[in-house]
Amino acid sequence: MEETRSTRAYRCSPSRLRSALGEIRALGGRVEGSESEGEVSIPTPLGDVKGLYTFDGEELSVTLTRRPAMVPERLIWERLDEACGPPLGRA
Protein backbone atom coordinates (compact mmCIF):
# COMPACT_ATOMS: atom_id res chain seq x y z
CA MET A 1 0.00 0.00 0.00
CA GLU A 2 1.13 3.47 -0.77
CA GLU A 3 0.23 6.35 1.49
CA THR A 4 -0.77 9.55 -0.27
CA ARG A 5 -2.39 12.85 0.63
CA SER A 6 -3.65 14.36 -2.59
CA THR A 7 -6.88 16.35 -2.48
CA ARG A 8 -9.46 17.59 -4.96
CA ALA A 9 -12.51 19.76 -4.51
CA TYR A 10 -15.72 19.58 -6.52
CA ARG A 11 -18.83 21.76 -6.85
CA CYS A 12 -21.40 19.14 -5.97
CA SER A 13 -25.09 18.88 -5.16
CA PRO A 14 -26.31 16.80 -2.22
CA SER A 15 -27.98 14.37 -4.64
CA ARG A 16 -24.76 13.90 -6.60
CA LEU A 17 -22.90 13.18 -3.35
CA ARG A 18 -25.54 10.63 -2.30
CA SER A 19 -25.24 9.01 -5.72
CA ALA A 20 -21.43 8.80 -5.48
CA LEU A 21 -21.58 7.32 -1.97
CA GLY A 22 -24.20 4.83 -3.19
CA GLU A 23 -21.93 3.83 -6.06
CA ILE A 24 -19.09 3.19 -3.60
CA ARG A 25 -21.37 0.93 -1.58
CA ALA A 26 -22.56 -0.85 -4.73
CA LEU A 27 -18.94 -1.65 -5.57
CA GLY A 28 -18.58 -3.35 -2.19
CA GLY A 29 -17.00 -0.31 -0.59
CA ARG A 30 -17.52 0.95 2.91
CA VAL A 31 -18.66 4.46 3.83
CA GLU A 32 -18.31 5.53 7.45
CA GLY A 33 -19.66 8.90 8.47
CA SER A 34 -22.41 11.20 7.29
CA GLU A 35 -23.18 13.28 4.23
CA SER A 36 -21.06 16.08 5.71
CA GLU A 37 -17.86 14.10 6.40
CA GLY A 38 -16.50 10.61 6.55
CA GLU A 39 -14.14 7.93 5.35
CA VAL A 40 -14.43 5.58 2.41
CA SER A 41 -12.72 2.32 1.59
CA ILE A 42 -13.11 0.67 -1.82
CA PRO A 43 -11.79 -2.84 -2.44
CA THR A 44 -9.73 -3.69 -5.51
CA PRO A 45 -8.00 -6.97 -6.37
CA LEU A 46 -4.70 -5.28 -5.40
CA GLY A 47 -5.90 -3.86 -2.06
CA ASP A 48 -8.18 -1.14 -0.75
CA VAL A 49 -8.31 2.46 -1.93
CA LYS A 50 -9.03 4.73 1.05
CA GLY A 51 -9.97 8.35 1.41
CA LEU A 52 -11.62 11.07 3.46
CA TYR A 53 -14.34 13.48 2.39
CA THR A 54 -16.02 16.63 3.67
CA PHE A 55 -19.11 18.26 2.21
CA ASP A 56 -20.59 21.66 3.13
CA GLY A 57 -23.71 21.35 0.98
CA GLU A 58 -22.06 22.81 -2.11
CA GLU A 59 -18.39 21.86 -2.14
CA LEU A 60 -17.08 18.33 -1.78
CA SER A 61 -13.45 17.89 -0.77
CA VAL A 62 -11.88 14.44 -1.23
CA THR A 63 -8.48 13.41 0.10
CA LEU A 64 -6.96 10.19 -1.14
CA THR A 65 -5.10 8.63 1.81
CA ARG A 66 -4.07 5.12 0.67
CA ARG A 67 -3.97 3.13 -2.52
CA PRO A 68 -2.28 0.02 -3.82
CA ALA A 69 1.02 0.97 -5.46
CA MET A 70 -0.07 -0.76 -8.67
CA VAL A 71 -3.25 1.34 -8.97
CA PRO A 72 -2.37 4.65 -10.68
CA GLU A 73 -3.63 7.65 -8.75
CA ARG A 74 -4.69 9.19 -12.06
CA LEU A 75 -7.26 6.41 -12.56
CA ILE A 76 -8.81 7.03 -9.15
CA TRP A 77 -9.18 10.75 -9.84
CA GLU A 78 -10.60 10.10 -13.31
CA ARG A 79 -13.30 7.90 -11.78
CA LEU A 80 -14.15 10.60 -9.21
CA ASP A 81 -14.22 13.26 -11.94
CA GLU A 82 -16.79 11.13 -13.80
CA ALA A 83 -18.94 10.84 -10.68
CA CYS A 84 -18.60 14.41 -9.41
CA GLY A 85 -17.84 16.56 -12.44
CA PRO A 86 -14.74 18.64 -13.16
CA PRO A 87 -12.62 19.37 -10.09
CA LEU A 88 -12.32 22.89 -8.69
CA GLY A 89 -8.80 22.32 -7.39
CA ARG A 90 -6.05 19.78 -7.04
CA ALA A 91 -3.31 19.47 -4.46
PDB file of N, CA and C in Angstrom:
ATOM      1  N   MET A   1       0.846  -1.188   0.000  1.00  0.00           N
ATOM      2  CA  MET A   1       0.000   0.000   0.000  1.00  0.00           C
ATOM      3  C   MET A   1       0.884   1.242   0.000  1.00  0.00           C
ATOM      4  N   GLU A   2       0.402   2.219  -0.699  1.00  0.00           N
ATOM      5  CA  GLU A   2       1.130   3.469  -0.771  1.00  0.00           C
ATOM      6  C   GLU A   2       0.300   4.556  -0.100  1.00  0.00           C
ATOM      7  N   GLU A   3       0.919   5.243   0.840  1.00  0.00           N
ATOM      8  CA  GLU A   3       0.226   6.353   1.490  1.00  0.00           C
ATOM      9  C   GLU A   3       0.326   7.566   0.582  1.00  0.00           C
ATOM     10  N   THR A   4      -0.740   8.345   0.550  1.00  0.00           N
ATOM     11  CA  THR A   4      -0.774   9.546  -0.274  1.00  0.00           C
ATOM     12  C   THR A   4      -1.635  10.583   0.432  1.00  0.00           C
ATOM     13  N   ARG A   5      -1.550  11.800   0.055  1.00  0.00           N
ATOM     14  CA  ARG A   5      -2.386  12.854   0.633  1.00  0.00           C
ATOM     15  C   ARG A   5      -2.766  13.869  -0.422  1.00  0.00           C
ATOM     16  N   SER A   6      -3.218  13.413  -1.569  1.00  0.00           N
ATOM     17  CA  SER A   6      -3.650  14.356  -2.589  1.00  0.00           C
ATOM     18  C   SER A   6      -5.138  14.650  -2.403  1.00  0.00           C
ATOM     19  N   THR A   7      -5.512  15.885  -2.721  1.00  0.00           N
ATOM     20  CA  THR A   7      -6.881  16.355  -2.483  1.00  0.00           C
ATOM     21  C   THR A   7      -7.440  17.033  -3.725  1.00  0.00           C
ATOM     22  N   ARG A   8      -8.729  16.852  -3.923  1.00  0.00           N
ATOM     23  CA  ARG A   8      -9.458  17.586  -4.959  1.00  0.00           C
ATOM     24  C   ARG A   8     -10.761  18.087  -4.370  1.00  0.00           C
ATOM     25  N   ALA A   9     -11.221  19.197  -4.911  1.00  0.00           N
ATOM     26  CA  ALA A   9     -12.508  19.762  -4.509  1.00  0.00           C
ATOM     27  C   ALA A   9     -13.425  19.798  -5.722  1.00  0.00           C
ATOM     28  N   TYR A  10     -14.705  19.604  -5.464  1.00  0.00           N
ATOM     29  CA  TYR A  10     -15.720  19.583  -6.520  1.00  0.00           C
ATOM     30  C   TYR A  10     -16.910  20.432  -6.096  1.00  0.00           C
ATOM     31  N   ARG A  11     -17.525  21.136  -7.065  1.00  0.00           N
ATOM     32  CA  ARG A  11     -18.831  21.760  -6.847  1.00  0.00           C
ATOM     33  C   ARG A  11     -19.817  20.622  -7.000  1.00  0.00           C
ATOM     34  N   CYS A  12     -20.615  20.377  -5.989  1.00  0.00           N
ATOM     35  CA  CYS A  12     -21.397  19.143  -5.967  1.00  0.00           C
ATOM     36  C   CYS A  12     -22.743  19.387  -5.275  1.00  0.00           C
ATOM     37  N   SER A  13     -23.789  18.804  -5.816  1.00  0.00           N
ATOM     38  CA  SER A  13     -25.095  18.885  -5.165  1.00  0.00           C
ATOM     39  C   SER A  13     -25.227  17.742  -4.156  1.00  0.00           C
ATOM     40  N   PRO A  14     -26.088  17.903  -3.172  1.00  0.00           N
ATOM     41  CA  PRO A  14     -26.308  16.801  -2.223  1.00  0.00           C
ATOM     42  C   PRO A  14     -26.736  15.505  -2.915  1.00  0.00           C
ATOM     43  N   SER A  15     -27.548  15.593  -3.963  1.00  0.00           N
ATOM     44  CA  SER A  15     -27.982  14.373  -4.640  1.00  0.00           C
ATOM     45  C   SER A  15     -26.824  13.698  -5.373  1.00  0.00           C
ATOM     46  N   ARG A  16     -25.933  14.480  -5.927  1.00  0.00           N
ATOM     47  CA  ARG A  16     -24.764  13.901  -6.598  1.00  0.00           C
ATOM     48  C   ARG A  16     -23.850  13.212  -5.588  1.00  0.00           C
ATOM     49  N   LEU A  17     -23.698  13.814  -4.401  1.00  0.00           N
ATOM     50  CA  LEU A  17     -22.903  13.180  -3.349  1.00  0.00           C
ATOM     51  C   LEU A  17     -23.539  11.858  -2.925  1.00  0.00           C
ATOM     52  N   ARG A  18     -24.850  11.871  -2.687  1.00  0.00           N
ATOM     53  CA  ARG A  18     -25.538  10.626  -2.301  1.00  0.00           C
ATOM     54  C   ARG A  18     -25.357   9.546  -3.364  1.00  0.00           C
ATOM     55  N   SER A  19     -25.421   9.944  -4.622  1.00  0.00           N
ATOM     56  CA  SER A  19     -25.238   9.007  -5.721  1.00  0.00           C
ATOM     57  C   SER A  19     -23.820   8.423  -5.711  1.00  0.00           C
ATOM     58  N   ALA A  20     -22.821   9.267  -5.512  1.00  0.00           N
ATOM     59  CA  ALA A  20     -21.427   8.804  -5.478  1.00  0.00           C
ATOM     60  C   ALA A  20     -21.197   7.858  -4.301  1.00  0.00           C
ATOM     61  N   LEU A  21     -21.737   8.196  -3.133  1.00  0.00           N
ATOM     62  CA  LEU A  21     -21.583   7.317  -1.966  1.00  0.00           C
ATOM     63  C   LEU A  21     -22.313   5.996  -2.199  1.00  0.00           C
ATOM     64  N   GLY A  22     -23.463   6.048  -2.853  1.00  0.00           N
ATOM     65  CA  GLY A  22     -24.199   4.834  -3.186  1.00  0.00           C
ATOM     66  C   GLY A  22     -23.419   3.958  -4.154  1.00  0.00           C
ATOM     67  N   GLU A  23     -22.737   4.583  -5.105  1.00  0.00           N
ATOM     68  CA  GLU A  23     -21.927   3.834  -6.059  1.00  0.00           C
ATOM     69  C   GLU A  23     -20.766   3.130  -5.353  1.00  0.00           C
ATOM     70  N   ILE A  24     -20.165   3.809  -4.382  1.00  0.00           N
ATOM     71  CA  ILE A  24     -19.090   3.189  -3.604  1.00  0.00           C
ATOM     72  C   ILE A  24     -19.614   1.946  -2.888  1.00  0.00           C
ATOM     73  N   ARG A  25     -20.768   2.083  -2.273  1.00  0.00           N
ATOM     74  CA  ARG A  25     -21.366   0.933  -1.578  1.00  0.00           C
ATOM     75  C   ARG A  25     -21.701  -0.196  -2.552  1.00  0.00           C
ATOM     76  N   ALA A  26     -22.207   0.152  -3.733  1.00  0.00           N
ATOM     77  CA  ALA A  26     -22.563  -0.853  -4.735  1.00  0.00           C
ATOM     78  C   ALA A  26     -21.339  -1.619  -5.226  1.00  0.00           C
ATOM     79  N   LEU A  27     -20.185  -0.994  -5.172  1.00  0.00           N
ATOM     80  CA  LEU A  27     -18.941  -1.652  -5.574  1.00  0.00           C
ATOM     81  C   LEU A  27     -18.347  -2.492  -4.443  1.00  0.00           C
ATOM     82  N   GLY A  28     -19.082  -2.581  -3.331  1.00  0.00           N
ATOM     83  CA  GLY A  28     -18.582  -3.348  -2.190  1.00  0.00           C
ATOM     84  C   GLY A  28     -17.761  -2.518  -1.234  1.00  0.00           C
ATOM     85  N   GLY A  29     -17.766  -1.207  -1.450  1.00  0.00           N
ATOM     86  CA  GLY A  29     -17.002  -0.312  -0.591  1.00  0.00           C
ATOM     87  C   GLY A  29     -17.717  -0.015   0.710  1.00  0.00           C
ATOM     88  N   ARG A  30     -16.988   0.593   1.600  1.00  0.00           N
ATOM     89  CA  ARG A  30     -17.517   0.949   2.914  1.00  0.00           C
ATOM     90  C   ARG A  30     -17.480   2.474   3.058  1.00  0.00           C
ATOM     91  N   VAL A  31     -18.577   3.027   3.552  1.00  0.00           N
ATOM     92  CA  VAL A  31     -18.664   4.455   3.833  1.00  0.00           C
ATOM     93  C   VAL A  31     -18.966   4.592   5.315  1.00  0.00           C
ATOM     94  N   GLU A  32     -18.091   5.273   6.035  1.00  0.00           N
ATOM     95  CA  GLU A  32     -18.312   5.525   7.455  1.00  0.00           C
ATOM     96  C   GLU A  32     -18.398   7.029   7.659  1.00  0.00           C
ATOM     97  N   GLY A  33     -19.483   7.476   8.238  1.00  0.00           N
ATOM     98  CA  GLY A  33     -19.664   8.899   8.466  1.00  0.00           C
ATOM     99  C   GLY A  33     -21.037   9.337   8.007  1.00  0.00           C
ATOM    100  N   SER A  34     -21.130  10.604   7.674  1.00  0.00           N
ATOM    101  CA  SER A  34     -22.410  11.196   7.286  1.00  0.00           C
ATOM    102  C   SER A  34     -22.259  11.835   5.913  1.00  0.00           C
ATOM    103  N   GLU A  35     -23.285  12.559   5.502  1.00  0.00           N
ATOM    104  CA  GLU A  35     -23.183  13.281   4.233  1.00  0.00           C
ATOM    105  C   GLU A  35     -22.288  14.510   4.352  1.00  0.00           C
ATOM    106  N   SER A  36     -21.914  14.904   5.566  1.00  0.00           N
ATOM    107  CA  SER A  36     -21.058  16.077   5.707  1.00  0.00           C
ATOM    108  C   SER A  36     -19.572  15.729   5.852  1.00  0.00           C
ATOM    109  N   GLU A  37     -19.261  14.512   6.319  1.00  0.00           N
ATOM    110  CA  GLU A  37     -17.862  14.098   6.395  1.00  0.00           C
ATOM    111  C   GLU A  37     -17.772  12.610   6.691  1.00  0.00           C
ATOM    112  N   GLY A  38     -16.670  12.034   6.283  1.00  0.00           N
ATOM    113  CA  GLY A  38     -16.502  10.615   6.552  1.00  0.00           C
ATOM    114  C   GLY A  38     -15.278  10.031   5.884  1.00  0.00           C
ATOM    115  N   GLU A  39     -15.220   8.704   5.943  1.00  0.00           N
ATOM    116  CA  GLU A  39     -14.137   7.934   5.347  1.00  0.00           C
ATOM    117  C   GLU A  39     -14.737   6.908   4.403  1.00  0.00           C
ATOM    118  N   VAL A  40     -14.013   6.616   3.346  1.00  0.00           N
ATOM    119  CA  VAL A  40     -14.435   5.576   2.414  1.00  0.00           C
ATOM    120  C   VAL A  40     -13.291   4.595   2.195  1.00  0.00           C
ATOM    121  N   SER A  41     -13.671   3.370   1.911  1.00  0.00           N
ATOM    122  CA  SER A  41     -12.717   2.322   1.588  1.00  0.00           C
ATOM    123  C   SER A  41     -13.339   1.504   0.458  1.00  0.00           C
ATOM    124  N   ILE A  42     -12.603   1.366  -0.645  1.00  0.00           N
ATOM    125  CA  ILE A  42     -13.108   0.666  -1.819  1.00  0.00           C
ATOM    126  C   ILE A  42     -12.156  -0.481  -2.138  1.00  0.00           C
ATOM    127  N   PRO A  43     -12.671  -1.719  -2.155  1.00  0.00           N
ATOM    128  CA  PRO A  43     -11.786  -2.844  -2.436  1.00  0.00           C
ATOM    129  C   PRO A  43     -11.412  -2.942  -3.915  1.00  0.00           C
ATOM    130  N   THR A  44     -10.183  -3.340  -4.168  1.00  0.00           N
ATOM    131  CA  THR A  44      -9.728  -3.686  -5.510  1.00  0.00           C
ATOM    132  C   THR A  44      -8.987  -5.019  -5.371  1.00  0.00           C
ATOM    133  N   PRO A  45      -8.751  -5.714  -6.461  1.00  0.00           N
ATOM    134  CA  PRO A  45      -8.000  -6.969  -6.375  1.00  0.00           C
ATOM    135  C   PRO A  45      -6.585  -6.782  -5.814  1.00  0.00           C
ATOM    136  N   LEU A  46      -6.061  -5.551  -5.873  1.00  0.00           N
ATOM    137  CA  LEU A  46      -4.705  -5.279  -5.401  1.00  0.00           C
ATOM    138  C   LEU A  46      -4.663  -4.705  -3.990  1.00  0.00           C
ATOM    139  N   GLY A  47      -5.820  -4.466  -3.393  1.00  0.00           N
ATOM    140  CA  GLY A  47      -5.902  -3.861  -2.062  1.00  0.00           C
ATOM    141  C   GLY A  47      -6.883  -2.712  -2.071  1.00  0.00           C
ATOM    142  N   ASP A  48      -7.176  -2.198  -0.890  1.00  0.00           N
ATOM    143  CA  ASP A  48      -8.177  -1.141  -0.754  1.00  0.00           C
ATOM    144  C   ASP A  48      -7.648   0.239  -1.126  1.00  0.00           C
ATOM    145  N   VAL A  49      -8.529   1.035  -1.727  1.00  0.00           N
ATOM    146  CA  VAL A  49      -8.311   2.463  -1.931  1.00  0.00           C
ATOM    147  C   VAL A  49      -9.063   3.148  -0.797  1.00  0.00           C
ATOM    148  N   LYS A  50      -8.403   4.068  -0.095  1.00  0.00           N
ATOM    149  CA  LYS A  50      -9.034   4.732   1.052  1.00  0.00           C
ATOM    150  C   LYS A  50      -8.951   6.239   0.909  1.00  0.00           C
ATOM    151  N   GLY A  51      -9.958   6.904   1.466  1.00  0.00           N
ATOM    152  CA  GLY A  51      -9.974   8.351   1.408  1.00  0.00           C
ATOM    153  C   GLY A  51     -10.888   8.957   2.446  1.00  0.00           C
ATOM    154  N   LEU A  52     -10.794  10.265   2.564  1.00  0.00           N
ATOM    155  CA  LEU A  52     -11.621  11.072   3.463  1.00  0.00           C
ATOM    156  C   LEU A  52     -12.409  12.063   2.617  1.00  0.00           C
ATOM    157  N   TYR A  53     -13.579  12.465   3.102  1.00  0.00           N
ATOM    158  CA  TYR A  53     -14.345  13.480   2.393  1.00  0.00           C
ATOM    159  C   TYR A  53     -15.013  14.426   3.392  1.00  0.00           C
ATOM    160  N   THR A  54     -15.210  15.647   2.946  1.00  0.00           N
ATOM    161  CA  THR A  54     -16.023  16.627   3.673  1.00  0.00           C
ATOM    162  C   THR A  54     -16.943  17.281   2.654  1.00  0.00           C
ATOM    163  N   PHE A  55     -18.136  17.652   3.098  1.00  0.00           N
ATOM    164  CA  PHE A  55     -19.113  18.262   2.209  1.00  0.00           C
ATOM    165  C   PHE A  55     -19.872  19.324   2.978  1.00  0.00           C
ATOM    166  N   ASP A  56     -19.910  20.549   2.446  1.00  0.00           N
ATOM    167  CA  ASP A  56     -20.588  21.657   3.129  1.00  0.00           C
ATOM    168  C   ASP A  56     -21.945  21.987   2.512  1.00  0.00           C
ATOM    169  N   GLY A  57     -22.444  21.103   1.657  1.00  0.00           N
ATOM    170  CA  GLY A  57     -23.713  21.354   0.983  1.00  0.00           C
ATOM    171  C   GLY A  57     -23.543  21.832  -0.438  1.00  0.00           C
ATOM    172  N   GLU A  58     -22.351  22.345  -0.756  1.00  0.00           N
ATOM    173  CA  GLU A  58     -22.063  22.814  -2.105  1.00  0.00           C
ATOM    174  C   GLU A  58     -20.714  22.333  -2.616  1.00  0.00           C
ATOM    175  N   GLU A  59     -19.740  22.265  -1.732  1.00  0.00           N
ATOM    176  CA  GLU A  59     -18.394  21.861  -2.141  1.00  0.00           C
ATOM    177  C   GLU A  59     -17.988  20.570  -1.452  1.00  0.00           C
ATOM    178  N   LEU A  60     -17.551  19.619  -2.266  1.00  0.00           N
ATOM    179  CA  LEU A  60     -17.078  18.333  -1.784  1.00  0.00           C
ATOM    180  C   LEU A  60     -15.560  18.330  -1.885  1.00  0.00           C
ATOM    181  N   SER A  61     -14.900  18.016  -0.785  1.00  0.00           N
ATOM    182  CA  SER A  61     -13.449  17.888  -0.766  1.00  0.00           C
ATOM    183  C   SER A  61     -13.110  16.425  -0.496  1.00  0.00           C
ATOM    184  N   VAL A  62     -12.262  15.850  -1.354  1.00  0.00           N
ATOM    185  CA  VAL A  62     -11.882  14.444  -1.235  1.00  0.00           C
ATOM    186  C   VAL A  62     -10.366  14.369  -1.100  1.00  0.00           C
ATOM    187  N   THR A  63      -9.910  13.643  -0.093  1.00  0.00           N
ATOM    188  CA  THR A  63      -8.482  13.413   0.098  1.00  0.00           C
ATOM    189  C   THR A  63      -8.212  11.927  -0.022  1.00  0.00           C
ATOM    190  N   LEU A  64      -7.384  11.572  -0.960  1.00  0.00           N
ATOM    191  CA  LEU A  64      -6.956  10.189  -1.142  1.00  0.00           C
ATOM    192  C   LEU A  64      -5.867   9.912  -0.111  1.00  0.00           C
ATOM    193  N   THR A  65      -6.063   8.892   0.733  1.00  0.00           N
ATOM    194  CA  THR A  65      -5.100   8.633   1.808  1.00  0.00           C
ATOM    195  C   THR A  65      -4.260   7.376   1.595  1.00  0.00           C
ATOM    196  N   ARG A  66      -4.808   6.371   0.931  1.00  0.00           N
ATOM    197  CA  ARG A  66      -4.066   5.125   0.672  1.00  0.00           C
ATOM    198  C   ARG A  66      -4.561   4.508  -0.628  1.00  0.00           C
ATOM    199  N   ARG A  67      -3.627   3.857  -1.308  1.00  0.00           N
ATOM    200  CA  ARG A  67      -3.974   3.132  -2.520  1.00  0.00           C
ATOM    201  C   ARG A  67      -2.904   2.084  -2.757  1.00  0.00           C
ATOM    202  N   PRO A  68      -3.287   1.004  -3.439  1.00  0.00           N
ATOM    203  CA  PRO A  68      -2.281   0.021  -3.820  1.00  0.00           C
ATOM    204  C   PRO A  68      -1.278   0.670  -4.779  1.00  0.00           C
ATOM    205  N   ALA A  69      -0.018   0.366  -4.624  1.00  0.00           N
ATOM    206  CA  ALA A  69       1.020   0.973  -5.457  1.00  0.00           C
ATOM    207  C   ALA A  69       0.788   0.710  -6.947  1.00  0.00           C
ATOM    208  N   MET A  70       0.164  -0.405  -7.274  1.00  0.00           N
ATOM    209  CA  MET A  70      -0.066  -0.759  -8.675  1.00  0.00           C
ATOM    210  C   MET A  70      -1.308  -0.098  -9.276  1.00  0.00           C
ATOM    211  N   VAL A  71      -2.066   0.626  -8.480  1.00  0.00           N
ATOM    212  CA  VAL A  71      -3.248   1.339  -8.973  1.00  0.00           C
ATOM    213  C   VAL A  71      -2.854   2.801  -9.179  1.00  0.00           C
ATOM    214  N   PRO A  72      -2.777   3.261 -10.434  1.00  0.00           N
ATOM    215  CA  PRO A  72      -2.374   4.647 -10.678  1.00  0.00           C
ATOM    216  C   PRO A  72      -3.354   5.645 -10.050  1.00  0.00           C
ATOM    217  N   GLU A  73      -2.808   6.621  -9.371  1.00  0.00           N
ATOM    218  CA  GLU A  73      -3.633   7.653  -8.749  1.00  0.00           C
ATOM    219  C   GLU A  73      -4.508   8.351  -9.785  1.00  0.00           C
ATOM    220  N   ARG A  74      -3.967   8.542 -10.970  1.00  0.00           N
ATOM    221  CA  ARG A  74      -4.695   9.190 -12.060  1.00  0.00           C
ATOM    222  C   ARG A  74      -6.027   8.490 -12.341  1.00  0.00           C
ATOM    223  N   LEU A  75      -6.033   7.163 -12.294  1.00  0.00           N
ATOM    224  CA  LEU A  75      -7.261   6.406 -12.561  1.00  0.00           C
ATOM    225  C   LEU A  75      -8.317   6.648 -11.482  1.00  0.00           C
ATOM    226  N   ILE A  76      -7.873   6.773 -10.253  1.00  0.00           N
ATOM    227  CA  ILE A  76      -8.806   7.033  -9.148  1.00  0.00           C
ATOM    228  C   ILE A  76      -9.455   8.401  -9.345  1.00  0.00           C
ATOM    229  N   TRP A  77      -8.625   9.410  -9.654  1.00  0.00           N
ATOM    230  CA  TRP A  77      -9.181  10.755  -9.843  1.00  0.00           C
ATOM    231  C   TRP A  77     -10.083  10.821 -11.068  1.00  0.00           C
ATOM    232  N   GLU A  78      -9.743  10.110 -12.122  1.00  0.00           N
ATOM    233  CA  GLU A  78     -10.603  10.103 -13.313  1.00  0.00           C
ATOM    234  C   GLU A  78     -11.983   9.553 -12.980  1.00  0.00           C
ATOM    235  N   ARG A  79     -12.019   8.508 -12.180  1.00  0.00           N
ATOM    236  CA  ARG A  79     -13.303   7.905 -11.779  1.00  0.00           C
ATOM    237  C   ARG A  79     -14.114   8.896 -10.942  1.00  0.00           C
ATOM    238  N   LEU A  80     -13.455   9.590 -10.022  1.00  0.00           N
ATOM    239  CA  LEU A  80     -14.149  10.601  -9.214  1.00  0.00           C
ATOM    240  C   LEU A  80     -14.618  11.769 -10.068  1.00  0.00           C
ATOM    241  N   ASP A  81     -13.808  12.172 -11.035  1.00  0.00           N
ATOM    242  CA  ASP A  81     -14.216  13.257 -11.936  1.00  0.00           C
ATOM    243  C   ASP A  81     -15.484  12.874 -12.700  1.00  0.00           C
ATOM    244  N   GLU A  82     -15.578  11.606 -13.119  1.00  0.00           N
ATOM    245  CA  GLU A  82     -16.785  11.134 -13.802  1.00  0.00           C
ATOM    246  C   GLU A  82     -18.005  11.211 -12.892  1.00  0.00           C
ATOM    247  N   ALA A  83     -17.824  10.853 -11.619  1.00  0.00           N
ATOM    248  CA  ALA A  83     -18.935  10.840 -10.676  1.00  0.00           C
ATOM    249  C   ALA A  83     -19.323  12.232 -10.190  1.00  0.00           C
ATOM    250  N   CYS A  84     -18.339  13.120 -10.050  1.00  0.00           N
ATOM    251  CA  CYS A  84     -18.597  14.414  -9.407  1.00  0.00           C
ATOM    252  C   CYS A  84     -18.513  15.617 -10.338  1.00  0.00           C
ATOM    253  N   GLY A  85     -17.999  15.439 -11.533  1.00  0.00           N
ATOM    254  CA  GLY A  85     -17.837  16.558 -12.440  1.00  0.00           C
ATOM    255  C   GLY A  85     -16.418  17.075 -12.382  1.00  0.00           C
ATOM    256  N   PRO A  86     -16.114  18.123 -13.122  1.00  0.00           N
ATOM    257  CA  PRO A  86     -14.741  18.640 -13.156  1.00  0.00           C
ATOM    258  C   PRO A  86     -14.325  19.166 -11.788  1.00  0.00           C
ATOM    259  N   PRO A  87     -13.076  18.901 -11.388  1.00  0.00           N
ATOM    260  CA  PRO A  87     -12.619  19.371 -10.091  1.00  0.00           C
ATOM    261  C   PRO A  87     -12.407  20.889 -10.075  1.00  0.00           C
ATOM    262  N   LEU A  88     -12.582  21.463  -8.886  1.00  0.00           N
ATOM    263  CA  LEU A  88     -12.320  22.889  -8.686  1.00  0.00           C
ATOM    264  C   LEU A  88     -10.842  23.118  -8.408  1.00  0.00           C
ATOM    265  N   GLY A  89     -10.219  22.163  -7.726  1.00  0.00           N
ATOM    266  CA  GLY A  89      -8.804  22.317  -7.395  1.00  0.00           C
ATOM    267  C   GLY A  89      -8.156  20.981  -7.144  1.00  0.00           C
ATOM    268  N   ARG A  90      -6.850  20.984  -7.255  1.00  0.00           N
ATOM    269  CA  ARG A  90      -6.054  19.778  -7.037  1.00  0.00           C
ATOM    270  C   ARG A  90      -4.871  20.146  -6.169  1.00  0.00           C
ATOM    271  N   ALA A  91      -4.500  19.221  -5.291  1.00  0.00           N
ATOM    272  CA  ALA A  91      -3.310  19.470  -4.461  1.00  0.00           C
ATOM    273  C   ALA A  91      -2.516  18.196  -4.353  1.00  0.00           C
TER     274      ALA A  91
END
